[in-house]
Protein backbone atom coordinates (compact mmCIF):
# COMPACT_ATOMS: atom_id res chain seq x y z
CA MET A 1 -38.32 12.31 103.46
CA LYS A 2 -39.78 12.27 99.96
CA LYS A 3 -38.19 15.64 99.16
CA LEU A 4 -34.78 14.32 100.28
CA LEU A 5 -35.18 11.20 98.12
CA LEU A 6 -36.12 13.32 95.09
CA LEU A 7 -33.10 15.57 95.70
CA VAL A 8 -30.76 12.55 95.82
CA LEU A 9 -32.21 11.15 92.57
CA PHE A 10 -31.85 14.55 90.90
CA LEU A 11 -28.20 14.84 91.94
CA LEU A 12 -27.49 11.30 90.74
CA GLY A 13 -29.06 12.20 87.40
CA LEU A 14 -26.78 15.23 87.07
CA MET A 15 -23.76 13.05 87.84
CA ASN A 16 -24.74 10.58 85.12
CA VAL A 17 -25.16 13.40 82.56
CA ASN A 18 -21.75 14.83 83.46
CA GLN A 19 -20.14 11.39 83.19
CA ALA A 20 -21.73 10.85 79.77
CA GLN A 21 -20.53 14.22 78.55
CA ALA A 22 -17.01 13.57 79.82
CA TYR A 23 -16.84 9.99 78.57
CA THR A 24 -15.16 10.92 75.27
CA ASP A 25 -12.20 13.29 75.32
CA SER A 26 -9.11 14.09 73.27
CA VAL A 27 -5.48 15.00 73.75
CA VAL A 28 -2.87 16.41 71.36
CA GLN A 29 0.64 14.98 71.34
CA GLY A 30 3.03 16.24 68.70
CA ASN A 31 1.18 16.53 65.40
CA TYR A 32 -1.51 14.02 66.35
CA GLU A 33 -4.83 14.30 68.13
CA PHE A 34 -5.94 11.19 70.03
CA VAL A 35 -9.64 10.79 70.77
CA TYR A 36 -10.27 8.39 73.62
CA GLU A 37 -12.76 7.06 76.10
CA TYR A 38 -12.58 5.10 79.31
CA THR A 39 -13.03 1.34 79.13
CA ASN A 40 -12.46 -1.65 81.37
CA GLY A 41 -8.89 -1.57 82.60
CA GLY A 42 -7.89 1.78 81.17
CA ILE A 43 -8.23 3.96 78.09
CA TRP A 44 -9.41 3.10 74.58
CA ILE A 45 -8.05 5.29 71.77
CA THR A 46 -10.83 5.32 69.18
CA LYS A 47 -9.57 7.84 66.64
CA ILE A 48 -6.27 9.41 65.60
CA THR A 49 -6.07 12.54 63.46
CA PRO A 50 -2.82 13.80 61.89
CA LEU A 51 -2.93 17.58 62.33
CA ALA A 52 -0.25 18.58 59.81
CA ASP A 53 1.23 17.54 56.49
CA GLU A 54 4.75 17.32 57.91
CA GLY A 55 6.25 15.78 61.03
CA ILE A 56 3.89 12.79 61.03
CA SER A 57 6.12 10.03 59.62
CA VAL A 58 6.25 8.31 63.03
CA LEU A 59 2.98 7.67 64.84
CA LYS A 60 3.75 6.92 68.48
CA VAL A 61 0.64 5.77 70.29
CA PRO A 62 0.83 6.94 73.93
CA SER A 63 1.06 4.32 76.66
CA LYS A 64 -0.75 6.58 79.13
CA ILE A 65 -3.17 9.47 78.96
CA LYS A 66 -3.67 11.53 82.12
CA GLY A 67 -1.79 8.86 84.03
CA ILE A 68 -4.10 6.05 82.91
CA LYS A 69 -2.85 3.15 80.78
CA VAL A 70 -3.91 2.85 77.14
CA VAL A 71 -5.18 -0.73 76.85
CA LYS A 72 -7.24 -0.65 73.66
CA PHE A 73 -6.60 0.82 70.26
CA GLY A 74 -8.70 1.09 67.13
CA THR A 75 -11.89 2.14 65.43
CA LYS A 76 -15.29 1.47 66.91
CA ALA A 77 -17.87 -0.58 65.02
CA LEU A 78 -20.49 1.53 63.28
CA LYS A 79 -24.05 1.44 64.56
CA ASN A 80 -25.40 1.11 61.03
CA ALA A 81 -24.57 -2.52 60.23
CA GLU A 82 -25.68 -2.25 56.59
CA TRP A 83 -23.42 0.76 55.99
CA GLU A 84 -20.48 -1.12 57.49
CA ASP A 85 -21.20 -4.36 55.60
CA ASN A 86 -21.11 -2.41 52.33
CA GLY A 87 -17.51 -1.42 53.00
CA TYR A 88 -18.00 2.05 54.43
CA SER A 89 -16.61 1.41 57.91
CA GLU A 90 -14.06 3.91 59.18
CA ASN A 91 -10.47 3.11 60.05
CA VAL A 92 -8.78 4.50 63.16
CA PHE A 93 -8.00 7.72 61.28
CA GLY A 94 -11.66 8.31 60.51
CA VAL A 95 -11.21 7.45 56.82
CA SER A 96 -13.85 5.44 54.98
CA ARG A 97 -14.52 4.46 51.39
CA ALA A 98 -16.63 7.11 49.69
CA PRO A 99 -19.95 6.18 48.04
CA ASP A 100 -19.77 5.20 44.38
CA ASP A 101 -21.18 8.53 43.21
CA ALA A 102 -18.60 10.61 45.11
CA ASP A 103 -15.83 12.61 43.42
CA THR A 104 -13.10 10.95 45.52
CA PRO A 105 -12.45 7.28 46.39
CA PHE A 106 -12.15 7.97 50.14
CA TRP A 107 -13.26 10.57 52.60
CA PRO A 108 -12.16 12.77 54.17
CA MET A 109 -9.63 12.82 51.33
CA ASP A 110 -7.23 15.26 53.02
CA ILE A 111 -6.83 12.93 56.01
CA TYR A 112 -6.38 9.94 53.71
CA GLU A 113 -3.56 11.75 51.90
CA ARG A 114 -1.90 12.61 55.19
CA THR A 115 -2.00 9.02 56.42
CA LYS A 116 0.06 8.00 53.37
CA LYS A 117 2.95 9.92 54.94
CA ILE A 118 2.95 7.70 58.05
CA LYS A 119 5.94 5.34 57.75
CA LYS A 120 6.12 3.84 61.23
CA ILE A 121 3.51 3.00 63.85
CA GLN A 122 4.63 2.31 67.42
CA ILE A 123 2.04 0.61 69.62
CA PRO A 124 2.89 0.50 73.37
CA GLU A 125 3.10 -2.74 75.35
CA THR A 126 0.16 -1.60 77.47
CA VAL A 127 -2.23 -2.26 74.56
CA LYS A 128 -4.09 -5.58 74.76
CA THR A 129 -6.73 -5.09 72.05
CA ILE A 130 -6.51 -3.75 68.49
CA THR A 131 -9.84 -3.70 66.67
CA ARG A 132 -9.92 -5.53 63.35
CA LYS A 133 -10.78 -2.70 60.95
CA SER A 134 -8.34 -0.16 62.37
CA PHE A 135 -6.12 -0.11 59.26
CA HIS A 136 -8.60 -0.56 56.43
CA TYR A 137 -7.81 1.96 53.66
CA PHE A 138 -4.29 2.39 55.03
CA HIS A 139 -1.35 2.29 52.63
CA ASP A 140 1.14 -0.56 52.18
CA GLY A 141 4.76 -0.12 53.15
CA ALA A 142 4.65 1.21 56.73
CA SER A 143 6.21 -0.53 59.75
CA ILE A 144 4.23 -1.69 62.77
CA ASN A 145 4.65 -3.75 65.94
CA ILE A 146 2.25 -6.04 67.79
CA PRO A 147 2.56 -6.01 71.62
CA LYS A 148 2.73 -9.12 73.75
CA GLY A 149 -0.77 -8.75 75.17
CA VAL A 150 -2.70 -8.67 71.86
CA ARG A 151 -4.28 -12.12 71.50
CA LYS A 152 -7.05 -11.52 68.95
CA ASP A 153 -7.66 -10.31 65.36
CA VAL A 154 -3.98 -9.91 64.42
CA GLU A 155 -4.70 -11.89 61.24
CA TYR A 156 -6.52 -8.82 59.90
CA PHE A 157 -3.13 -7.09 59.65
CA ALA A 158 -2.48 -9.39 56.65
CA TYR A 159 -5.15 -7.45 54.72
CA TYR A 160 -2.38 -4.98 53.85
CA LYS A 161 1.33 -5.59 53.48
CA TRP A 162 3.82 -3.90 55.78
CA LYS A 163 7.43 -2.88 55.19
CA LYS A 164 8.30 -4.36 58.57
CA PHE A 165 5.97 -6.31 60.81
CA THR A 166 7.15 -7.37 64.26
CA ILE A 167 5.50 -9.28 67.09
CA SER A 168 6.71 -9.34 70.66
CA SER A 169 8.50 -12.60 71.41
CA LYS A 170 6.39 -12.73 74.58
CA ASN A 171 3.11 -12.83 72.64
CA LYS A 172 1.45 -16.16 73.52
CA LYS A 173 -0.94 -16.32 70.52
CA TYR A 174 1.05 -15.25 67.42
CA LYS A 175 4.52 -15.22 65.92
CA LYS A 176 6.09 -14.35 62.55
CA VAL A 177 8.39 -16.64 60.55
CA ASN A 178 9.47 -16.16 56.89
CA ASN A 179 6.93 -13.35 56.42
CA CYS A 180 4.20 -15.71 57.65
CA LEU A 181 1.86 -14.83 60.51
CA LEU A 182 1.56 -18.05 62.50
CA SER A 183 0.01 -19.43 65.65
CA LYS A 184 2.50 -19.63 68.50
CA ASN A 185 3.01 -23.38 67.95
CA GLY A 186 3.65 -22.75 64.24
CA GLU A 187 0.88 -25.07 63.03
CA ILE A 188 -1.62 -22.46 61.77
CA LEU A 189 -0.90 -19.96 58.99
CA TYR A 190 -3.01 -16.77 59.06
CA GLY A 191 -1.46 -14.88 56.14
CA PHE A 192 1.53 -12.96 54.77
CA VAL A 193 2.28 -9.67 56.49
CA GLU A 194 5.19 -8.09 54.59
CA LYS A 195 5.83 -7.27 50.93
CA LYS A 196 7.93 -10.21 49.70
CA ASP A 197 8.12 -11.74 46.23
CA LYS A 198 8.79 -15.28 47.44
CA VAL A 199 7.27 -16.83 50.54
CA VAL A 200 8.32 -20.26 51.78
CA VAL A 201 5.72 -21.40 54.28
CA PRO A 202 7.38 -23.03 57.33
CA LYS A 203 7.41 -26.82 57.54
CA THR A 204 5.50 -26.69 60.83
CA VAL A 205 2.30 -25.43 59.16
CA LYS A 206 -0.59 -27.89 59.00
CA LYS A 207 -3.50 -25.51 58.39
CA MET A 208 -4.11 -22.32 56.39
CA VAL A 209 -6.75 -19.89 57.64
CA THR A 210 -8.39 -17.95 54.80
CA GLY A 211 -10.89 -15.65 56.49
CA VAL A 212 -9.08 -12.47 55.40
CA ALA A 213 -9.67 -11.83 51.69
CA LEU A 214 -6.19 -10.60 50.70
CA ALA A 215 -4.08 -12.47 53.24
CA TYR A 216 -1.99 -14.25 50.57
CA ASP A 217 -1.71 -11.73 47.75
CA ASP A 218 1.38 -9.74 46.72
CA ALA A 219 3.67 -12.77 46.47
CA THR A 220 4.85 -14.09 43.09
CA ILE A 221 6.06 -17.46 44.41
CA ILE A 222 4.37 -19.39 47.23
CA VAL A 223 5.88 -22.65 48.45
CA LEU A 224 3.54 -24.77 50.57
CA PRO A 225 4.96 -27.38 52.99
CA LYS A 226 4.74 -31.15 52.92
CA GLY A 227 2.73 -31.25 56.14
CA LEU A 228 -0.10 -28.93 55.02
CA ARG A 229 -3.31 -30.86 55.58
CA LYS A 230 -6.13 -28.30 55.63
CA ILE A 231 -7.00 -25.07 53.83
CA GLU A 232 -9.96 -23.42 55.52
CA GLY A 233 -12.88 -23.08 53.14
CA GLU A 234 -10.82 -24.93 50.50
CA GLY A 235 -10.14 -21.67 48.70
CA PHE A 236 -8.09 -18.50 49.01
CA LYS A 237 -7.24 -15.42 46.98
CA ILE A 238 -3.87 -14.69 45.36
CA SER A 239 -2.39 -12.03 43.12
CA SER A 240 -2.95 -12.19 39.37
CA GLU A 241 0.53 -13.55 38.55
CA VAL A 242 1.82 -16.14 41.01
CA THR A 243 3.52 -19.52 40.99
CA ILE A 244 2.34 -21.98 43.62
CA LYS A 245 4.56 -24.89 44.52
CA VAL A 246 3.88 -27.78 46.88
CA ALA A 247 6.67 -29.59 48.67
CA LYS A 248 7.31 -33.14 47.55
CA GLY A 249 5.48 -35.71 49.63
CA ASN A 250 2.34 -33.69 50.39
CA LYS A 251 -0.45 -36.25 50.46
CA LYS A 252 -3.35 -33.85 49.97
CA TYR A 253 -2.46 -30.93 47.69
CA ALA A 254 -0.84 -30.54 44.28
CA ALA A 255 -0.11 -27.63 41.95
CA LYS A 256 -0.11 -27.44 38.15
CA HIS A 257 -0.78 -24.72 35.52
CA GLY A 258 -0.82 -22.09 38.28
CA CYS A 259 -3.61 -23.98 40.05
CA LEU A 260 -3.67 -25.52 43.52
CA TYR A 261 -6.08 -28.40 44.03
CA ASN A 262 -7.03 -31.09 46.53
CA LYS A 263 -5.86 -34.46 45.24
CA LYS A 264 -8.27 -36.38 47.45
CA THR A 265 -11.51 -34.47 46.79
CA GLY A 266 -10.66 -33.11 43.34
CA ARG A 267 -11.64 -29.58 44.39
CA LEU A 268 -9.84 -26.58 42.92
CA VAL A 269 -8.44 -24.42 45.73
CA THR A 270 -6.98 -21.38 43.99
CA ALA A 271 -5.46 -20.38 40.67
CA CYS A 272 -4.00 -17.71 38.45
CA ALA A 273 -4.43 -17.15 34.73
CA PRO A 274 -1.12 -16.45 32.94
CA ASP A 275 -1.75 -14.38 29.81
CA GLY A 276 -5.48 -14.48 30.52
CA VAL A 277 -5.80 -18.27 30.14
CA PHE A 278 -7.12 -20.23 33.12
CA ARG A 279 -6.13 -23.85 32.53
CA ILE A 280 -7.65 -26.32 35.01
CA PRO A 281 -5.43 -29.38 35.63
CA GLU A 282 -6.46 -32.94 34.89
CA GLY A 283 -7.68 -34.57 38.10
CA VAL A 284 -9.78 -31.62 39.24
CA THR A 285 -13.43 -32.66 39.54
CA TYR A 286 -15.08 -29.61 41.15
CA VAL A 287 -14.57 -25.95 40.28
CA THR A 288 -16.24 -23.13 42.16
CA GLY A 289 -15.84 -19.37 42.01
CA TYR A 290 -17.23 -18.93 45.51
CA TYR A 291 -14.07 -19.28 47.57
CA VAL A 292 -11.60 -19.56 44.72
CA SER A 293 -10.21 -16.57 42.86
CA VAL A 294 -8.21 -16.47 39.66
CA GLY A 295 -5.94 -13.65 40.73
CA VAL A 296 -6.54 -10.28 42.36
CA ARG A 297 -6.51 -7.06 40.34
CA TYR A 298 -6.35 -3.44 41.54
CA ASP A 299 -7.44 -0.08 40.18
CA ASP A 300 -5.70 3.26 40.71
CA THR A 301 -7.37 3.81 44.10
CA GLY A 302 -6.18 0.49 45.49
CA SER A 303 -9.63 -1.08 45.27
CA HIS A 304 -9.51 -4.73 44.23
CA TRP A 305 -11.62 -7.25 42.39
CA PHE A 306 -11.18 -10.85 41.42
CA GLY A 307 -10.78 -12.22 37.92
CA GLY A 308 -7.14 -11.52 37.26
CA GLY A 309 -7.57 -10.71 33.58
CA THR A 310 -9.09 -14.10 32.76
CA GLN A 311 -10.46 -14.29 29.23
CA LYS A 312 -10.40 -18.00 28.56
CA MET A 313 -10.98 -21.08 30.75
CA ILE A 314 -10.04 -24.61 29.68
CA VAL A 315 -11.99 -27.33 31.53
CA PRO A 316 -10.71 -30.95 31.36
CA SER A 317 -12.95 -33.99 31.07
CA THR A 318 -12.32 -34.92 34.73
CA VAL A 319 -14.46 -31.97 35.95
CA LYS A 320 -17.96 -33.08 36.97
CA LYS A 321 -19.32 -29.90 38.56
CA LEU A 322 -18.97 -26.16 37.86
CA ASP A 323 -20.26 -23.50 40.22
CA ARG A 324 -20.21 -19.69 39.83
CA ILE A 325 -17.72 -20.00 36.98
CA LEU A 326 -18.32 -16.57 35.45
CA ASN A 327 -16.90 -15.10 38.65
CA PHE A 328 -13.48 -15.98 37.22
CA PHE A 329 -13.74 -13.65 34.24
CA ASP A 330 -13.28 -9.99 33.45
CA GLY A 331 -15.90 -8.87 30.91
CA PRO A 332 -17.24 -8.29 28.40
CA ASP A 333 -16.22 -11.40 26.42
CA CYS A 334 -15.17 -14.79 27.74
CA GLU A 335 -14.46 -18.25 26.37
CA ILE A 336 -15.10 -21.59 28.06
CA VAL A 337 -13.42 -24.56 26.39
CA MET A 338 -14.98 -27.87 27.46
CA GLN A 339 -13.13 -31.14 26.83
CA ALA A 340 -15.83 -33.56 28.09
CA LYS A 341 -18.59 -34.76 25.76
CA LYS A 342 -20.93 -35.16 28.72
CA PRO A 343 -21.69 -31.74 30.21
CA PRO A 344 -20.65 -31.27 33.85
CA LYS A 345 -23.33 -30.07 36.24
CA LEU A 346 -23.63 -26.29 36.04
CA SER A 347 -25.01 -24.50 39.10
CA CYS A 348 -25.02 -20.80 39.99
CA LEU A 349 -23.20 -18.63 37.41
CA LEU A 350 -22.67 -15.43 39.45
CA VAL A 351 -22.65 -13.04 36.49
CA HIS A 352 -20.95 -9.70 37.12
CA GLN A 353 -18.08 -7.44 35.97
CA GLY A 354 -19.87 -6.48 32.76
CA ILE A 355 -19.81 -9.90 31.09
CA LYS A 356 -21.96 -9.82 27.94
CA ASN A 357 -20.79 -12.57 25.58
CA VAL A 358 -19.98 -16.17 26.48
CA ALA A 359 -18.56 -18.56 23.87
CA VAL A 360 -18.75 -22.21 24.93
CA TYR A 361 -16.51 -24.52 22.89
CA VAL A 362 -17.55 -28.19 23.10
CA PRO A 363 -16.36 -31.48 21.55
CA LYS A 364 -17.70 -32.44 18.14
CA GLY A 365 -21.21 -33.86 18.40
CA ALA A 366 -21.80 -32.48 21.94
CA LYS A 367 -23.47 -29.16 21.10
CA ALA A 368 -27.03 -30.39 21.60
CA ALA A 369 -26.19 -31.99 24.93
CA TYR A 370 -24.65 -28.77 26.27
CA GLU A 371 -27.52 -26.60 25.02
CA LYS A 372 -29.99 -28.88 26.79
CA ALA A 373 -27.99 -29.19 30.04
CA TRP A 374 -26.87 -25.57 30.36
CA GLY A 375 -29.37 -23.55 28.34
CA LYS A 376 -31.89 -23.02 31.13
CA LYS A 377 -29.22 -21.84 33.56
CA PHE A 378 -27.78 -19.30 31.12
CA LYS A 379 -31.25 -18.01 30.22
CA GLU A 380 -31.67 -16.82 33.81
CA TYR A 381 -29.44 -13.91 32.78
CA SER A 382 -31.08 -11.97 29.97
CA SER A 383 -28.01 -9.74 29.57
CA LEU A 384 -25.89 -12.66 28.36
CA THR A 385 -25.41 -13.79 24.79
CA VAL A 386 -24.28 -17.43 24.80
CA THR A 387 -22.94 -19.21 21.72
CA TYR A 388 -22.13 -22.95 21.59
CA ILE A 389 -19.38 -23.89 19.12
CA GLU A 390 -18.34 -27.42 18.23
CA GLN A 391 -14.59 -28.03 18.03
CA GLU A 392 -13.15 -30.01 15.16
């Protein structure tokens, strides 16, 4: 009896090994290889590799593999959380950002170059899940569709801008209106999904979600509706040259000098810096560089940073608190023009981007007060040279 039991356990062990070995498989269709595994309800395509330089302009994701429905699409999360948090996660094509000391911005570079030739992505209606980082490091300007069954993480598609972005009219979670990705009831705005110069946010929108860093960049004119009542985090990131307008009658938000701010709390929400000058409007009482960006800038690889070419910031006397203000600047030199004789409270500076010299212009007779109030905070950064200058 014991021998029989041991034999059964041995055979079960062999079955488990065989199942583990067969769990991941691949299939070639056209000029693409699809790596997949079995998941609840069907097949999960975890990686797609273009096999040629030509004939790959249309990526048609299969609806079935070996007669089984494809229900999930996209890259798997990396096991090394620190590696992923530092921006090295792979997209669905197996492309990741290369380490800073590498010779290329991405790797594998040949696959990255091939993916730039993909102009249209067709996702079948069988798909119900698309993982959020599937299209990181993917180029702007392709077309894509979202099936009716996808009810999660579509807002991450606003990270890049698409030539054409469509959502099934039967999707119960999302819809698209005026280039805006919205909740089905039209009350929540998740981001802009196509490359458009001017975006008029629908009148139905009451809330802006700002969890995706670049959800609102690439537009040069943004018109916010009268009924907008909440901006998540009270800050979002925009391109370096943009005009923000707020519909007449909005009780909470106002725009001036390229800045959007909360009229009730006095908090700056977002801004740009035309010609390198960041002019904060009168009425703003709190300025932080934590959620707020002054424009988004890009290098030749498509990597972005925030600062928008800011060289000079003008702070009105209404401002009572400044937080992480050096996050607004591109180094090495920056100017801060203060209009209040009494120094606002200065908290964390967040020094980066090679800033070396800070010139603080203050009202006549206020130099000593600023040196006393701000000196200790600036001295925390030995790399900075700070000069206080009284204005005539």
